[in-house]
Protein backbone atom coordinates (compact mmCIF):
# COMPACT_ATOMS: atom_id res chain seq x y z
CA UNK A 1 43.17 32.70 -8.01
CA UNK A 2 43.11 29.49 -7.19
CA UNK A 3 44.91 30.15 -4.07
CA UNK A 4 42.13 32.46 -2.87
CA UNK A 5 39.63 30.09 -3.57
CA UNK A 6 40.96 27.51 -1.79
CA UNK A 7 41.62 29.59 1.49
CA UNK A 8 38.08 30.72 0.86
CA UNK A 9 36.98 26.99 1.26
CA UNK A 10 39.29 26.87 3.86
CA UNK A 11 37.72 29.85 6.17
CA UNK A 12 33.93 28.65 5.30
CA UNK A 13 35.37 25.54 7.06
CA UNK A 14 36.70 27.29 9.88
CA UNK A 15 33.05 28.84 10.37
CA UNK A 16 31.65 25.92 9.92
CA UNK A 17 33.63 24.17 12.76
CA UNK A 18 33.35 27.31 14.77
CA UNK A 19 29.60 26.97 14.95
CA UNK A 20 29.76 23.35 15.56
CA UNK A 21 32.12 23.97 18.01
CA UNK A 22 29.39 26.72 19.87
CA UNK A 23 26.58 24.80 19.24
CA UNK A 24 28.33 21.28 21.05
CA UNK A 25 29.54 23.92 24.06
CA UNK A 26 25.80 24.94 24.08
CA UNK A 27 24.13 21.46 24.48
CA UNK A 28 26.90 20.36 27.11
CA UNK A 29 26.11 23.48 29.22
CA UNK A 30 22.17 22.48 28.55
CA UNK A 31 23.12 18.52 29.96
CA UNK A 32 24.89 20.24 32.82
CA UNK A 33 21.85 22.26 34.05
CA UNK A 34 19.30 19.19 33.21
CA UNK A 35 21.49 16.77 35.50
CA UNK A 36 22.10 19.41 38.49
CA UNK A 37 18.00 19.70 38.01
CA UNK A 38 17.44 16.23 37.50
CA UNK A 39 19.60 15.27 40.82
CA UNK A 40 18.60 18.18 42.93
CA UNK A 41 15.25 16.96 42.04
CA UNK A 42 16.10 13.31 43.39
CA UNK A 43 17.56 14.05 46.13
CA UNK A 44 14.63 16.47 47.50
CA UNK A 45 11.72 13.99 46.66
CA UNK A 46 13.55 11.01 48.18
CA UNK A 47 14.42 12.87 51.33
CA UNK A 48 10.90 13.85 52.03
CA UNK A 49 9.70 10.46 51.06
CA UNK A 50 12.00 8.60 54.22
CA UNK A 51 11.08 11.80 56.13
CA UNK A 52 7.23 12.02 55.88
CA UNK A 53 5.27 10.06 58.46
CA UNK A 54 3.00 9.41 55.45
CA UNK A 55 5.44 7.59 53.06
CA UNK A 56 8.47 5.18 54.60
CA UNK A 57 7.99 6.93 58.02
CA UNK A 58 11.21 7.52 59.20
CA UNK A 59 11.39 10.40 60.94
CA UNK A 60 14.67 11.28 62.14
CA UNK A 61 16.54 14.18 60.05
CA UNK A 62 19.29 14.57 62.21
CA UNK A 63 19.94 10.68 61.83
CA UNK A 64 19.49 11.28 57.65
CA UNK A 65 21.91 14.53 57.68
CA UNK A 66 24.40 12.34 59.98
CA UNK A 67 24.15 9.13 57.58
CA UNK A 68 25.09 11.78 54.49
CA UNK A 69 27.82 13.45 55.80
CA UNK A 70 29.70 10.37 57.12
CA UNK A 71 28.66 8.88 52.94
CA UNK A 72 29.85 12.19 51.89
CA UNK A 73 33.48 12.38 54.17
CA UNK A 74 34.86 8.64 53.27
CA UNK A 75 34.06 8.90 49.49
CA UNK A 76 36.06 12.54 49.63
CA UNK A 77 38.49 11.25 51.67
CA UNK A 78 38.73 8.56 49.01
CA UNK A 79 38.85 10.89 46.30
CA UNK A 80 41.58 13.47 47.93
CA UNK A 81 43.97 10.99 49.71
CA UNK A 82 43.85 7.49 48.01
CA UNK A 83 42.60 8.47 44.36
CA UNK A 84 43.95 12.04 44.43
CA UNK A 85 41.11 13.15 41.86
CA UNK A 86 41.49 16.60 42.99
CA UNK A 87 44.68 18.62 45.24
CA UNK A 88 44.44 20.11 48.07
CA UNK A 89 44.62 23.95 48.39
CA UNK A 90 48.36 24.98 48.61
CA UNK A 91 48.31 28.89 47.93
CA UNK A 92 47.23 29.68 50.94
CA UNK A 93 47.78 25.77 52.35
CA UNK A 94 44.36 24.93 55.06
CA UNK A 95 46.33 25.17 58.64
CA UNK A 96 44.95 23.86 61.80
CA UNK A 97 44.52 27.67 62.60
CA UNK A 98 43.02 28.35 59.30
CA UNK A 99 40.64 25.57 59.38
CA UNK A 100 39.71 26.79 63.15
CA UNK A 101 39.02 30.26 61.90
CA UNK A 102 37.41 29.64 58.77
CA UNK A 103 36.10 26.30 58.05
CA UNK A 104 34.54 25.00 61.15
CA UNK A 105 32.13 27.74 61.50
CA UNK A 106 31.20 26.67 58.29
CA UNK A 107 30.55 23.60 58.98
CA UNK A 108 28.21 24.58 62.09
CA UNK A 109 26.26 26.82 59.62
CA UNK A 110 26.11 23.65 57.37
CA UNK A 111 24.78 21.30 59.92
CA UNK A 112 22.46 23.69 61.29
CA UNK A 113 21.16 24.59 57.95
CA UNK A 114 20.83 20.78 56.71
CA UNK A 115 19.19 19.59 60.23
CA UNK A 116 16.32 22.12 60.00
CA UNK A 117 15.58 22.03 56.45
CA UNK A 118 15.43 18.28 56.76
CA UNK A 119 13.03 18.58 59.85
CA UNK A 120 11.08 20.85 57.65
CA UNK A 121 9.81 17.89 55.30
CA UNK A 122 8.19 16.43 58.12
CA UNK A 123 5.62 19.25 58.32
CA UNK A 124 5.14 20.77 54.54
CA UNK A 125 4.46 19.72 51.47
CA UNK A 126 7.55 20.36 48.83
CA UNK A 127 5.81 22.21 46.58
CA UNK A 128 5.21 24.85 50.17
CA UNK A 129 9.09 24.60 51.22
CA UNK A 130 9.89 25.31 47.81
CA UNK A 131 7.98 28.44 47.95
CA UNK A 132 9.91 29.26 51.15
CA UNK A 133 13.05 28.86 49.60
CA UNK A 134 12.46 31.92 47.07
CA UNK A 135 13.52 33.95 50.77
CA UNK A 136 17.38 33.12 49.96
CA UNK A 137 18.21 35.96 47.80
CA UNK A 138 16.55 38.28 50.41
CA UNK A 139 18.55 36.77 53.72
CA UNK A 140 21.67 36.73 51.41
CA UNK A 141 21.08 40.40 50.73
CA UNK A 142 19.94 41.35 54.33
CA UNK A 143 23.19 39.36 56.13
CA UNK A 144 25.56 40.84 53.52
CA UNK A 145 24.24 44.30 54.31
CA UNK A 146 25.03 43.27 58.15
CA UNK A 147 27.92 42.24 57.43
CA UNK A 148 28.91 44.60 54.72
CA UNK A 149 29.09 42.67 51.96
CA UNK A 150 26.65 43.86 49.98
CA UNK A 151 26.23 47.70 49.99
CA UNK A 152 22.37 49.10 50.81
CA UNK A 153 20.53 50.50 47.68
CA UNK A 154 16.54 51.40 47.87
CA UNK A 155 16.11 49.49 44.34
CA UNK A 156 17.24 46.54 45.63
CA UNK A 157 15.62 46.74 48.92
CA UNK A 158 12.13 47.63 47.39
CA UNK A 159 12.88 44.03 45.17
CA UNK A 160 13.84 42.32 48.55
CA UNK A 161 10.07 43.02 49.65
CA UNK A 162 8.54 41.84 46.31
CA UNK A 163 9.86 38.69 46.97
CA UNK A 164 9.20 38.71 50.44
CA UNK A 165 5.34 39.90 50.00
CA UNK A 166 5.02 37.27 47.41
CA UNK A 167 5.92 34.23 50.08
CA UNK A 168 4.03 36.02 52.60
CA UNK A 169 0.60 35.66 49.95
CA UNK A 170 1.56 32.44 48.88
CA UNK A 171 2.30 31.29 52.92
CA UNK A 172 -1.56 32.69 53.65
CA UNK A 173 -2.70 30.75 50.83
CA UNK A 174 -0.81 27.12 51.99
CA UNK A 175 -3.10 24.42 53.09
CA UNK A 176 -1.01 22.30 55.13
CA UNK A 177 1.05 25.31 57.09
CA UNK A 178 2.23 24.37 60.00
CA UNK A 179 3.77 26.45 62.40
CA UNK A 180 6.59 24.05 63.27
CA UNK A 181 7.58 23.73 59.91
CA UNK A 182 7.39 27.48 58.52
CA UNK A 183 10.12 28.26 61.89
CA UNK A 184 12.43 25.03 60.51
CA UNK A 185 12.67 26.13 57.15
CA UNK A 186 13.13 30.33 57.05
CA UNK A 187 15.48 29.39 60.19
CA UNK A 188 17.15 26.87 57.16
CA UNK A 189 17.30 29.80 55.41
CA UNK A 190 18.60 32.14 57.63
CA UNK A 191 21.61 29.70 58.80
CA UNK A 192 22.51 29.03 54.83
CA UNK A 193 22.30 32.89 53.63
CA UNK A 194 24.95 33.07 56.76
CA UNK A 195 26.79 30.03 55.32
CA UNK A 196 27.07 31.50 52.13
CA UNK A 197 28.06 35.06 53.36
CA UNK A 198 30.77 33.72 55.47
CA UNK A 199 32.09 31.74 52.42
CA UNK A 200 33.06 34.99 51.07
CA UNK A 201 34.58 36.53 53.86
CA UNK A 202 36.65 33.74 55.11
CA UNK A 203 37.56 32.21 52.65
CA UNK A 204 37.15 34.10 49.09
CA UNK A 205 38.68 36.94 50.02
CA UNK A 206 42.06 35.00 51.62
CA UNK A 207 42.21 33.42 48.19
CA UNK A 208 40.80 29.83 49.50
CA UNK A 209 39.12 28.03 46.37
CA UNK A 210 37.39 24.77 47.33
CA UNK A 211 35.44 22.68 44.76
CA UNK A 212 32.51 20.36 46.02
CA UNK A 213 35.16 17.31 46.76
CA UNK A 214 37.28 19.65 48.81
CA UNK A 215 34.66 21.25 50.22
CA UNK A 216 33.59 17.76 51.72
CA UNK A 217 36.64 16.39 52.83
CA UNK A 218 37.41 19.45 55.06
CA UNK A 219 33.39 20.13 55.89
CA UNK A 220 31.94 17.34 56.02
CA UNK A 221 33.39 15.93 59.05
CA UNK A 222 33.07 18.49 61.14
CA UNK A 223 29.74 18.95 60.10
CA UNK A 224 29.00 14.88 61.15
CA UNK A 225 30.96 16.06 64.62
CA UNK A 226 28.73 19.01 65.16
CA UNK A 227 25.83 17.09 64.57
CA UNK A 228 26.47 14.41 66.71
CA UNK A 229 25.52 16.50 70.18
CA UNK A 230 21.76 17.25 69.13
CA UNK A 231 21.70 13.90 67.69
CA UNK A 232 22.60 12.45 70.87
CA UNK A 233 20.09 14.42 72.85
CA UNK A 234 17.21 14.52 70.46
CA UNK A 235 17.08 11.47 68.05
CA UNK A 236 19.39 8.57 70.37
CA UNK A 237 16.87 7.94 73.03
CA UNK A 238 13.78 7.41 70.52
CA UNK A 239 15.86 4.96 68.05
CA UNK A 240 17.04 3.46 71.35
CA UNK A 241 13.02 3.11 71.96
CA UNK A 242 12.19 1.63 69.06
CA UNK A 243 14.84 -0.98 69.39
CA UNK A 244 13.61 -3.17 66.60
CA UNK A 245 13.99 -1.03 63.63
CA UNK A 246 16.70 -1.95 60.96
CA UNK A 247 17.39 0.61 58.39
CA UNK A 248 17.55 -0.34 54.54
CA UNK A 249 20.94 -0.40 53.22
CA UNK A 250 19.50 0.28 49.53
CA UNK A 251 17.29 3.10 50.77
CA UNK A 252 19.72 4.86 52.82
CA UNK A 253 22.68 3.89 50.41
CA UNK A 254 20.95 5.62 47.51
CA UNK A 255 19.80 8.26 49.05
CA UNK A 256 22.98 9.56 50.29
CA UNK A 257 24.70 8.42 46.54
CA UNK A 258 22.24 11.14 45.53
CA UNK A 259 23.49 13.61 47.63
CA UNK A 260 27.05 13.56 46.85
CA UNK A 261 26.60 13.16 43.24
CA UNK A 262 24.35 16.20 43.72
CA UNK A 263 27.35 18.06 44.81
CA UNK A 264 29.80 16.84 42.30
CA UNK A 265 26.68 17.84 39.67
CA UNK A 266 26.96 21.74 41.16
CA UNK A 267 30.97 21.79 40.65
CA UNK A 268 30.37 21.06 36.94
CA UNK A 269 27.40 23.17 36.42
CA UNK A 270 29.82 26.34 38.31
CA UNK A 271 32.39 25.40 36.78
CA UNK A 272 31.65 25.09 33.05
CA UNK A 273 29.12 27.92 33.15
CA UNK A 274 28.06 29.94 36.15
CA UNK A 275 26.57 30.23 39.47
CA UNK A 276 24.13 32.73 37.92
CA UNK A 277 23.09 29.80 35.36
CA UNK A 278 22.63 27.52 38.63
CA UNK A 279 20.39 30.19 40.05
CA UNK A 280 18.25 30.14 37.18
CA UNK A 281 18.00 27.15 36.60
CA UNK A 282 16.70 26.71 40.34
CA UNK A 283 13.83 28.42 39.14
CA UNK A 284 13.16 26.17 36.44
CA UNK A 285 13.79 23.15 39.41
CA UNK A 286 10.99 24.83 41.65
CA UNK A 287 8.45 24.94 39.61
CA UNK A 288 8.80 21.49 38.34
CA UNK A 289 8.96 20.36 41.83
CA UNK A 290 5.51 22.27 42.64
CA UNK A 291 4.33 20.55 39.71
CA UNK A 292 5.61 17.22 40.88
CA UNK A 293 4.10 18.05 44.14
CA UNK A 294 0.99 18.85 42.97
CA UNK A 295 0.53 16.00 40.36
CA UNK A 296 2.36 12.82 42.12
CA UNK A 297 2.14 13.56 45.71
CA UNK A 298 -0.88 14.76 45.69
CA UNK A 299 -0.07 17.93 47.54
CA UNK A 300 -2.78 20.74 47.69
CA UNK A 301 -1.49 24.02 45.73
CA UNK A 302 -4.09 26.46 45.72
CA UNK A 303 -4.25 29.59 43.03
CA UNK A 304 -3.11 31.44 46.51
CA UNK A 305 -0.16 29.78 46.50
CA UNK A 306 0.70 30.25 42.66
CA UNK A 307 -0.16 33.65 42.59
CA UNK A 308 2.02 34.87 45.69
CA UNK A 309 5.05 32.52 44.33
CA UNK A 310 4.67 33.98 41.15
CA UNK A 311 5.06 37.73 42.49
CA UNK A 312 7.98 36.34 44.50
CA UNK A 313 9.08 34.19 41.05
CA UNK A 314 9.41 37.77 39.10
CA UNK A 315 10.93 39.47 42.01
CA UNK A 316 13.67 36.72 42.22
CA UNK A 317 13.96 36.85 38.12
CA UNK A 318 14.13 40.81 38.33
CA UNK A 319 17.47 40.24 41.10
CA UNK A 320 19.18 37.62 39.19
CA UNK A 321 18.48 39.95 35.84
CA UNK A 322 20.41 42.74 38.32
CA UNK A 323 23.26 40.38 38.80
CA UNK A 324 23.70 39.22 35.70
CA UNK A 325 24.50 42.75 34.26
CA UNK A 326 26.56 43.92 37.17
CA UNK A 327 28.44 40.52 36.08
CA UNK A 328 28.72 41.86 32.47
CA UNK A 329 29.53 45.70 33.96
CA UNK A 330 32.34 43.92 36.10
CA UNK A 331 33.68 41.77 33.38
CA UNK A 332 33.44 44.52 30.34
CA UNK A 333 35.44 47.13 33.04
CA UNK A 334 38.22 44.25 33.53
CA UNK A 335 38.43 44.14 29.95
CA UNK A 336 39.17 47.71 29.15
CA UNK A 337 41.45 47.63 32.10
CA UNK A 338 43.55 45.13 30.36
CA UNK A 339 43.13 46.49 27.09
CA UNK A 340 44.30 50.36 28.30
CA UNK A 341 47.17 47.94 30.20
CA UNK A 342 48.41 46.53 27.14
CA UNK A 343 48.18 49.47 24.67
CA UNK A 344 50.65 51.24 27.87
CA UNK A 345 52.84 48.40 27.05
CA UNK A 346 53.35 48.89 23.80
CA UNK A 347 53.65 52.49 23.80
CA UNK A 348 56.49 52.22 26.62
CA UNK A 349 57.75 49.51 24.04
CA UNK A 350 57.69 51.52 20.62
CA UNK A 351 58.93 54.76 22.44
CA UNK A 352 61.74 52.75 24.25
CA UNK A 353 62.56 51.35 20.65
CA UNK A 354 62.78 54.92 19.30
CA UNK A 355 64.85 55.99 22.04
CA UNK A 356 67.44 53.05 20.98
CA UNK A 357 67.22 53.99 17.31
CA UNK A 358 68.14 57.86 18.27
CA UNK A 359 71.07 56.38 20.55
CA UNK A 360 72.34 54.40 17.42
CA UNK A 361 72.05 57.27 14.75
CA UNK A 362 73.58 59.70 17.14
């Protein structure tokens, strides 16, 4: 009796320990989400501050992006080659041929996405840019269907149309609507969506898995190289005309550090939770940025803006819900297949054991 009591006490302690473990895991996940939201928030607001003519007034988005890429390249090389914090992919290894065929196109698209998205901050408010970014699922789905990575479904297309309709209403109600800024942001969304689809086609399908450090190690240098060409023709003559401008090392250093830290936060968030969690956290971040843009930066946010973005928000929420259900179904199917495989192995082992027993008896 005494032993049974002790056993029950041990079981209760085990349950308590498990509960504490689950609570700790949930709290850690929330911490990763909070860190990612903070850093993403900081990078967006910091870039807006540097580029906006009414604030720091340094309207050179290509130069700013090149500073980020140079900083990220240097740190990534130090972490990979000197400190050896992470290992480079070995199966398959990143050969020169594979780099040219897979990484260069992704780097080119990434450079265009960053260039145009940073340029949009010169013309548009932070709140309106976040509303336009709600079109990302539409772009990813459309390009995925084009490249046959997504299956065309009427329900999915209706969902995409609802998101687009909401963003169109938000654009109609925008007080600071600027055609150049909208064109730049839409181009940035299109290039970023194409980059995400190409990552699946050129890297994931070949079994290459890159975390943000190794991604920056490979992508940031070629991204920097691609940006040099437009920089020479677009911004270098203007920078020479300024002549006396001396960049603030503290401003650009901390801004670049925030950009690099954001990449690490993405790695931690996706690695410890999931990409879907990041999408949901991104919706929370967008609302926070809209509130910040309205209350602190004093950007005009109209009721029509909010109504339109509310429709787009519901569409994005439904999109994330469908993705979650598909992920759960895939996971359940995978577990069922593993269970069937284990049951088959056990049955085969039992039959083999029975055959040996029969042979021994004979």
